[in-house]
Every structure is written in structure tokens, then in C-alpha cells.
């Protein structure tokens, strides 16, 4: 057996959905976030893999039945991806190849000015996954797998071992048919419905929807706001802030929301985020990733659950509840002014 086969068998025995291999040659000319030497000097190859989320927890999350199970599953799957990458690295080290496991999320290039707002990754698991054929880009820019969709967490192990690279997924074999239901699931419409952006990695061009502003994602997925502009549905965030189109106004409103967020009651669950000092972060969105299950009917059902699940409000004790949009609006107007200003 080749090293590629040994490694793939090692990972598939541990429940991964797909495995791929990229090398410094196949990553040549790509963005800084595919520079393997940033994490491991002398690295020659990257091993990319994907792990699934629990679908029952996703459905409960989208339907506003229970937020916490998906948050727990998300965190546990991220930790599992990290642990698998380190376990694989140790195995390769024992064979004489210096290797390094990586975190699946929440690791950034903190030397870049303003990193807390732009969150530049130390290593792009998405780019490595599409270049190595683990998956392909969906319209949202999330990586998905045919027959499964984008409800996955990606992991990467770096090694000095020279591995045989695997090819990207051919365009005609992509899981994404551009139904753009992912766009319909984003409360702040962070990515465009029509315009594309592309990135070149190792002589191959990959495309997905053009991002409008990374600040929109921080605003919504950070949990600071969550009400869709139609005011008919929301994420799990009780925030109802204005979301300006002008970049400078958007930044000012985001910074104002962050300051008020720190004064809100503590919610169940949560986790520490390196960019958010002094306050917990909570899983309140990520909808564009979790609604897509690689089957248009299932994905459409997920979006329907989300859009008919109402709008979220927060009790003084920190607990969350959802009401139909008109009821939620009336209930919000009855909140005492001092508490109300924490959310708008």
C-alpha cells in the first residue's frame, strides 16, 4: 500500500467522509492562507478531510426548537477534527516524517492589523479541501460533498512526507446546482445572489458567490444581530440592529453592537473566542453552511424550517424564545428601554 492509501484508511476508519491530498506544487500561486510553511516549515503535503454534523441537531436548530445541541455538536466536531489531525501527525512522526496537526477553527493570523474584524485564517481548510478534491465550493463559498452538502467540518494535517496529490472535483461533478437556497438563508445577505468571485490555486480556478463585506458575516454569525431585513424571521440572535450598506457606517454599527452585546444576559452554552475578549460567543447562525444537505428537497425543507420558525427574543435570565414575527415585534416594543437598547 502507498502512504496515500494508509492515510486514507486511517482516517476513514475514524469516520471521515472524504480524504484528499495537496502538495506545495499543487498549491503554488495560491493565497497566503495555503502556505503550508506558515504552520510547518519544510511541509511538503497537506492531508485534508471532512467530518459530518448531526442532522437531527441541525433541524432542531433551524426550527428554533433547541439551539444548544447543534452548538455542542459543532464544537465537538471541530475538536474531533483537530484531534484526528494531531493523531495522524503523531503517527507520521513515528514513521520519521515531521508533521503537524491543526485546529479546525478559531486560529487566525494575529500579526495582521485589525485581525479581530477580518479573522484571516492561519490556514485555509476550505482552499486545501477544494484543491485536493475533498469537496467543491457551493454558491455560498462553503465546501460541500456530493450527496451530502456543506454540513461538514474540514480538518487538515501537514507533513514533510511527499504525498501523491489528488485532483479537484470536476465542475460537472460538483454537488452544487446553484439553487442558491444558501443565499436565502443568510439574515444579512452577506454574499451576492448573482455576482461571482474566483481564486486561483496551483493553476486551477475556483469560483463561488462574491462576498459583499466580511463585516456582515461578523455582525450576524458573531451573534450580534440576527433579524432579517424583512423582519419576518431571524437567526438565534435576539439582536435587531440596523445593517447599513455603507462600509464605514456598517463598521460603526458593528462596533456599537459589540459593546452592547457584552452587557446582554449570559445565554446557555457558549464558548470562548480569541477575538471577543470578556464575553462568550454563541452559535446563533451559520445557516448558509448547515441548510445545504446536497439534496434540493432536503435543503428547501431546511430553509422553510428556518423562515417559518419566527424571530428570537431574550429573557432577562438569558434564555431565548421565538415568536411569530408580528408577536415578536410587539413583545420587543414592550421591553423596558434600558434592556431594549442592548438589542437595537
Protein backbone atom coordinates (compact mmCIF):
# COMPACT_ATOMS: atom_id res chain seq x y z
CA UNK A 1 0.00 0.00 0.00
CA UNK A 2 1.07 3.60 -0.63
CA UNK A 3 1.21 6.28 2.03
CA UNK A 4 -1.89 7.86 0.50
CA UNK A 5 -3.81 4.60 0.94
CA UNK A 6 -2.55 4.10 4.51
CA UNK A 7 -3.56 7.63 5.50
CA UNK A 8 -6.97 7.42 3.85
CA UNK A 9 -7.66 4.11 5.57
CA UNK A 10 -6.53 5.60 8.91
CA UNK A 11 -8.98 8.49 8.56
CA UNK A 12 -11.94 6.61 7.10
CA UNK A 13 -11.77 4.10 9.94
CA UNK A 14 -12.35 7.13 12.20
CA UNK A 15 -15.48 8.30 10.42
CA UNK A 16 -14.36 10.91 7.91
CA UNK A 17 -16.49 11.39 4.78
CA UNK A 18 -13.75 12.22 2.30
CA UNK A 19 -9.95 12.49 2.16
CA UNK A 20 -7.69 14.42 -0.23
CA UNK A 21 -4.04 15.37 -0.64
CA UNK A 22 -2.46 18.67 -1.71
CA UNK A 23 1.22 19.49 -2.16
CA UNK A 24 3.29 22.67 -2.28
CA UNK A 25 3.31 22.23 -6.05
CA UNK A 26 -0.49 21.97 -6.41
CA UNK A 27 -0.91 24.96 -4.07
CA UNK A 28 1.65 27.15 -5.87
CA UNK A 29 0.50 30.70 -6.60
CA UNK A 30 -2.44 30.46 -4.21
CA UNK A 31 -3.37 32.93 -1.45
CA UNK A 32 -1.17 33.27 1.68
CA UNK A 33 -3.56 31.02 3.60
CA UNK A 34 -2.43 27.97 1.59
CA UNK A 35 1.23 28.47 2.53
CA UNK A 36 1.93 25.22 4.40
CA UNK A 37 5.24 26.51 5.78
CA UNK A 38 3.40 29.11 7.87
CA UNK A 39 2.40 26.31 10.24
CA UNK A 40 5.14 23.77 9.49
CA UNK A 41 8.47 24.85 7.98
CA UNK A 42 9.51 22.29 5.40
CA UNK A 43 5.98 20.96 4.91
CA UNK A 44 5.53 19.26 1.54
CA UNK A 45 1.96 17.99 1.73
CA UNK A 46 -1.42 18.70 3.31
CA UNK A 47 -3.92 15.98 4.15
CA UNK A 48 -7.48 17.31 4.02
CA UNK A 49 -10.61 15.60 5.33
CA UNK A 50 -14.25 16.26 6.21
CA UNK A 51 -16.43 15.21 9.14
CA UNK A 52 -20.26 15.38 9.25
CA UNK A 53 -22.56 17.32 11.55
CA UNK A 54 -25.54 15.67 13.24
CA UNK A 55 -28.58 16.31 11.07
CA UNK A 56 -31.15 15.95 13.86
CA UNK A 57 -29.39 18.72 15.79
CA UNK A 58 -29.36 20.92 12.67
CA UNK A 59 -33.11 20.51 12.15
CA UNK A 60 -33.84 21.42 15.79
CA UNK A 61 -31.57 24.46 15.42
CA UNK A 62 -33.19 25.72 12.21
CA UNK A 63 -36.71 25.19 13.56
CA UNK A 64 -35.87 27.21 16.71
CA UNK A 65 -36.73 24.16 18.82
CA UNK A 66 -33.35 23.92 20.54
CA UNK A 67 -30.15 25.84 19.90
CA UNK A 68 -27.72 24.05 22.19
CA UNK A 69 -27.46 20.53 20.65
CA UNK A 70 -26.13 21.89 17.34
CA UNK A 71 -23.75 24.24 19.15
CA UNK A 72 -22.40 21.29 21.15
CA UNK A 73 -22.16 19.12 18.03
CA UNK A 74 -20.42 21.91 16.12
CA UNK A 75 -17.84 22.41 18.86
CA UNK A 76 -17.33 18.68 19.34
CA UNK A 77 -16.90 18.09 15.59
CA UNK A 78 -14.34 20.90 15.41
CA UNK A 79 -12.44 19.34 18.33
CA UNK A 80 -12.70 15.89 16.74
CA UNK A 81 -11.20 17.25 13.50
CA UNK A 82 -8.34 18.80 15.46
CA UNK A 83 -7.74 15.62 17.45
CA UNK A 84 -7.77 13.48 14.28
CA UNK A 85 -5.23 15.75 12.58
CA UNK A 86 -2.92 15.57 15.60
CA UNK A 87 -3.37 11.80 15.91
CA UNK A 88 -2.42 11.42 12.24
CA UNK A 89 0.55 13.76 12.71
CA UNK A 90 1.84 11.65 15.60
CA UNK A 91 1.52 8.50 13.51
CA UNK A 92 3.56 10.09 10.70
CA UNK A 93 6.12 11.41 13.19
CA UNK A 94 6.67 7.86 14.42
CA UNK A 95 7.47 6.90 10.83
CA UNK A 96 10.14 9.61 10.67
CA UNK A 97 8.23 12.42 8.94
CA UNK A 98 7.93 15.70 10.88
CA UNK A 99 4.22 16.56 10.81
CA UNK A 100 1.75 18.91 12.49
CA UNK A 101 -1.91 18.75 13.37
CA UNK A 102 -4.02 21.87 13.08
CA UNK A 103 -7.10 23.36 14.71
CA UNK A 104 -10.23 23.20 12.57
CA UNK A 105 -11.31 26.72 13.52
CA UNK A 106 -10.65 29.82 15.64
CA UNK A 107 -6.98 30.17 14.66
CA UNK A 108 -6.01 33.43 12.96
CA UNK A 109 -3.01 35.38 11.67
CA UNK A 110 -2.90 37.72 14.64
CA UNK A 111 0.09 39.62 13.24
CA UNK A 112 -2.23 41.21 10.67
CA UNK A 113 -3.55 44.58 11.79
CA UNK A 114 -7.28 44.50 12.53
CA UNK A 115 -7.39 40.71 12.54
CA UNK A 116 -10.21 40.73 15.12
CA UNK A 117 -12.61 42.04 12.47
CA UNK A 118 -11.37 40.26 9.35
CA UNK A 119 -10.35 36.98 11.06
CA UNK A 120 -7.70 35.90 8.50
CA UNK A 121 -7.14 32.13 8.98
CA UNK A 122 -3.69 30.80 9.73
CA UNK A 123 -4.51 28.06 7.20
CA UNK A 124 -7.50 27.88 4.84
CA UNK A 125 -9.08 24.46 5.25
CA UNK A 126 -11.57 25.40 2.51
CA UNK A 127 -8.93 26.12 -0.11
CA UNK A 128 -6.99 22.97 0.75
CA UNK A 129 -10.19 20.91 0.58
CA UNK A 130 -11.22 22.14 -2.88
CA UNK A 131 -7.72 21.87 -4.32
CA UNK A 132 -7.33 18.32 -3.05
CA UNK A 133 -10.79 17.18 -4.15
CA UNK A 134 -12.26 16.58 -0.69
CA UNK A 135 -15.17 18.71 -1.87
CA UNK A 136 -16.05 21.66 -4.05
CA UNK A 137 -17.35 25.16 -3.44
CA UNK A 138 -21.06 25.73 -3.14
CA UNK A 139 -22.53 29.09 -4.14
CA UNK A 140 -22.12 30.25 -0.51
CA UNK A 141 -18.38 29.59 -0.58
CA UNK A 142 -18.75 26.74 1.88
CA UNK A 143 -17.23 23.42 0.83
CA UNK A 144 -19.60 20.56 0.17
CA UNK A 145 -19.60 16.92 -0.87
CA UNK A 146 -21.87 15.37 -3.49
CA UNK A 147 -24.79 13.61 -1.84
CA UNK A 148 -24.07 15.27 1.49
CA UNK A 149 -23.84 19.04 1.04
CA UNK A 150 -21.96 21.59 3.13
CA UNK A 151 -22.95 20.50 6.66
CA UNK A 152 -19.38 19.39 7.38
CA UNK A 153 -16.28 20.46 9.28
CA UNK A 154 -12.93 20.34 7.50
CA UNK A 155 -9.64 19.27 9.02
CA UNK A 156 -6.02 19.37 7.87
CA UNK A 157 -2.78 17.63 8.81
CA UNK A 158 0.55 18.96 7.50
CA UNK A 159 3.57 16.77 6.85
CA UNK A 160 7.06 16.79 5.35
CA UNK A 161 6.18 13.50 3.65
CA UNK A 162 5.84 13.88 -0.12
CA UNK A 163 2.38 12.52 -0.93
CA UNK A 164 0.67 11.98 -4.27
CA UNK A 165 -1.74 14.90 -4.85
CA UNK A 166 -5.38 14.23 -5.63
CA UNK A 167 -7.33 16.13 -8.27
CA UNK A 168 -10.05 18.74 -7.61
CA UNK A 169 -13.68 17.75 -8.12
CA UNK A 170 -14.60 18.36 -11.82
CA UNK A 171 -17.13 21.18 -12.25
CA UNK A 172 -19.66 18.78 -13.77
CA UNK A 173 -19.44 16.56 -10.67
CA UNK A 174 -19.99 19.33 -8.12
CA UNK A 175 -22.71 18.84 -5.52
CA UNK A 176 -23.89 22.42 -6.09
CA UNK A 177 -26.56 23.04 -8.74
CA UNK A 178 -26.69 26.77 -7.85
CA UNK A 179 -30.19 26.62 -6.43
CA UNK A 180 -28.94 29.48 -4.20
CA UNK A 181 -31.08 28.45 -1.25
CA UNK A 182 -27.99 29.16 0.83
CA UNK A 183 -28.36 32.83 -0.14
CA UNK A 184 -31.97 32.75 1.08
CA UNK A 185 -30.81 31.50 4.50
CA UNK A 186 -28.47 34.41 5.35
CA UNK A 187 -30.19 37.07 7.52
CA UNK A 188 -27.81 39.81 6.32
CA UNK A 189 -27.30 38.57 2.73
CA UNK A 190 -23.55 38.59 3.17
CA UNK A 191 -22.85 37.14 -0.28
CA UNK A 192 -24.24 38.17 -3.64
CA UNK A 193 -27.04 36.29 -5.39
CA UNK A 194 -25.64 36.83 -8.89
CA UNK A 195 -22.01 38.01 -8.89
CA UNK A 196 -19.10 35.58 -8.61
CA UNK A 197 -15.58 35.75 -7.19
CA UNK A 198 -12.75 33.40 -8.04
CA UNK A 199 -9.42 32.26 -6.65
CA UNK A 200 -6.53 30.58 -8.49
CA UNK A 201 -4.68 27.81 -6.67
CA UNK A 202 -2.00 25.78 -8.39
CA UNK A 203 -3.21 26.74 -11.84
CA UNK A 204 -6.85 25.84 -11.15
CA UNK A 205 -9.60 28.46 -10.81
CA UNK A 206 -12.34 28.01 -8.21
CA UNK A 207 -15.47 30.17 -8.06
CA UNK A 208 -18.27 30.98 -5.63
CA UNK A 209 -20.52 33.93 -4.78
CA UNK A 210 -18.87 37.31 -4.28
CA UNK A 211 -18.77 38.45 -0.66
CA UNK A 212 -20.33 41.85 -0.05
CA UNK A 213 -18.39 42.55 3.17
CA UNK A 214 -16.75 40.28 5.73
CA UNK A 215 -18.18 42.65 8.38
CA UNK A 216 -21.66 41.37 7.53
CA UNK A 217 -20.63 37.85 8.48
CA UNK A 218 -19.03 39.06 11.72
CA UNK A 219 -22.19 41.02 12.54
CA UNK A 220 -24.54 38.07 12.04
CA UNK A 221 -22.52 34.88 12.69
CA UNK A 222 -20.90 36.64 15.65
CA UNK A 223 -24.36 36.73 17.20
CA UNK A 224 -24.59 40.50 17.49
CA UNK A 225 -27.66 40.73 15.25
CA UNK A 226 -29.95 38.23 13.54
CA UNK A 227 -33.18 39.79 12.30
CA UNK A 228 -33.68 39.53 8.54
CA UNK A 229 -34.47 42.84 6.83
CA UNK A 230 -37.99 41.55 6.05
CA UNK A 231 -38.44 41.31 9.85
CA UNK A 232 -40.26 38.01 9.23
CA UNK A 233 -37.58 35.67 10.62
CA UNK A 234 -34.24 35.69 12.42
CA UNK A 235 -31.23 33.64 13.38
CA UNK A 236 -30.90 32.57 17.01
CA UNK A 237 -29.54 36.04 17.85
CA UNK A 238 -32.02 38.39 19.60
CA UNK A 239 -30.21 41.38 18.05
CA UNK A 240 -32.23 43.76 15.87
CA UNK A 241 -29.56 46.20 14.76
CA UNK A 242 -29.62 48.25 11.59
CA UNK A 243 -27.30 46.79 8.93
CA UNK A 244 -26.06 49.70 6.75
CA UNK A 245 -24.84 49.17 3.20
CA UNK A 246 -22.07 51.77 3.53
CA UNK A 247 -18.89 50.05 4.81
CA UNK A 248 -17.92 52.81 7.26
CA UNK A 249 -21.43 53.01 8.71
CA UNK A 250 -21.55 49.21 8.90
CA UNK A 251 -18.28 49.14 10.88
CA UNK A 252 -19.54 51.80 13.29
CA UNK A 253 -22.80 49.96 13.85
CA UNK A 254 -20.97 46.66 14.34
CA UNK A 255 -18.64 48.19 16.93
CA UNK A 256 -21.64 49.70 18.74
CA UNK A 257 -23.38 46.32 18.71
CA UNK A 258 -20.28 44.56 20.09
CA UNK A 259 -20.13 46.96 23.04
CA UNK A 260 -23.81 46.39 23.85
CA UNK A 261 -23.52 42.63 23.31
CA UNK A 262 -21.12 42.40 26.24
CA UNK A 263 -23.89 43.75 28.51
CA UNK A 264 -26.54 41.22 27.49
CA UNK A 265 -27.54 38.41 29.88
CA UNK A 266 -25.46 35.24 29.61
CA UNK A 267 -27.11 32.61 27.44
CA UNK A 268 -26.99 28.81 27.91
CA UNK A 269 -23.95 27.20 26.27
CA UNK A 270 -21.37 29.34 24.53
CA UNK A 271 -17.63 29.23 24.05
CA UNK A 272 -14.56 31.47 24.24
CA UNK A 273 -13.45 33.30 21.10
CA UNK A 274 -9.99 34.83 20.87
CA UNK A 275 -11.32 37.93 19.09
CA UNK A 276 -14.04 38.62 21.65
CA UNK A 277 -12.43 39.41 24.98
CA UNK A 278 -14.58 39.42 28.10
CA UNK A 279 -17.71 37.90 26.55
CA UNK A 280 -18.79 34.46 25.38
CA UNK A 281 -19.74 33.75 21.81
CA UNK A 282 -22.69 31.56 20.89
CA UNK A 283 -23.69 29.58 17.84
CA UNK A 284 -26.63 31.59 16.51
CA UNK A 285 -26.31 31.28 12.72
CA UNK A 286 -24.03 29.53 10.22
CA UNK A 287 -27.23 28.90 8.27
CA UNK A 288 -25.63 29.09 4.82
CA UNK A 289 -23.46 26.12 5.76
CA UNK A 290 -25.93 23.89 7.54
CA UNK A 291 -29.04 24.26 5.33
CA UNK A 292 -27.39 22.57 2.34
CA UNK A 293 -27.67 18.77 2.55
CA UNK A 294 -26.75 18.03 -1.06
CA UNK A 295 -30.37 17.27 -1.94
CA UNK A 296 -32.54 20.15 -3.15
CA UNK A 297 -35.72 18.89 -1.45
CA UNK A 298 -33.98 18.42 1.89
CA UNK A 299 -32.26 21.80 1.57
CA UNK A 300 -35.54 23.52 0.68
CA UNK A 301 -37.16 21.92 3.73
CA UNK A 302 -34.34 23.26 5.91
CA UNK A 303 -34.82 26.78 4.55
CA UNK A 304 -38.58 26.53 5.11
CA UNK A 305 -37.99 25.49 8.72
CA UNK A 306 -35.72 28.49 9.20
CA UNK A 307 -38.06 31.02 7.61
CA UNK A 308 -41.17 29.82 9.44
CA UNK A 309 -39.51 29.50 12.85
CA UNK A 310 -40.13 33.10 13.86
CA UNK A 311 -37.98 35.75 15.49
CA UNK A 312 -35.88 35.31 18.62
CA UNK A 313 -36.11 37.38 21.81
CA UNK A 314 -34.16 37.13 25.05
CA UNK A 315 -35.49 36.96 28.59
CA UNK A 316 -33.75 38.85 31.44
CA UNK A 317 -32.36 35.50 32.67
CA UNK A 318 -30.59 35.00 29.31
CA UNK A 319 -32.89 32.33 27.90
CA UNK A 320 -34.10 32.63 24.32
CA UNK A 321 -37.51 32.09 22.81
CA UNK A 322 -39.07 32.54 19.37
CA UNK A 323 -42.40 34.11 18.42
CA UNK A 324 -44.16 34.70 15.10
CA UNK A 325 -42.84 37.94 13.59
CA UNK A 326 -45.74 40.25 14.47
CA UNK A 327 -45.93 38.91 18.04
CA UNK A 328 -42.17 39.22 18.40
CA UNK A 329 -42.28 42.85 17.25
CA UNK A 330 -45.00 43.69 19.78
CA UNK A 331 -43.18 41.86 22.58
CA UNK A 332 -39.93 43.67 21.75
CA UNK A 333 -41.65 47.06 21.92
CA UNK A 334 -42.85 46.25 25.45
CA UNK A 335 -39.31 45.63 26.75
CA UNK A 336 -38.14 48.33 29.17
CA UNK A 337 -35.92 50.90 27.38
CA UNK A 338 -32.73 50.14 29.34
CA UNK A 339 -32.82 46.47 28.33
CA UNK A 340 -34.22 47.10 24.87
CA UNK A 341 -31.26 49.22 23.81
CA UNK A 342 -28.97 46.18 24.17
CA UNK A 343 -30.51 44.71 21.01
CA UNK A 344 -31.03 47.57 18.56
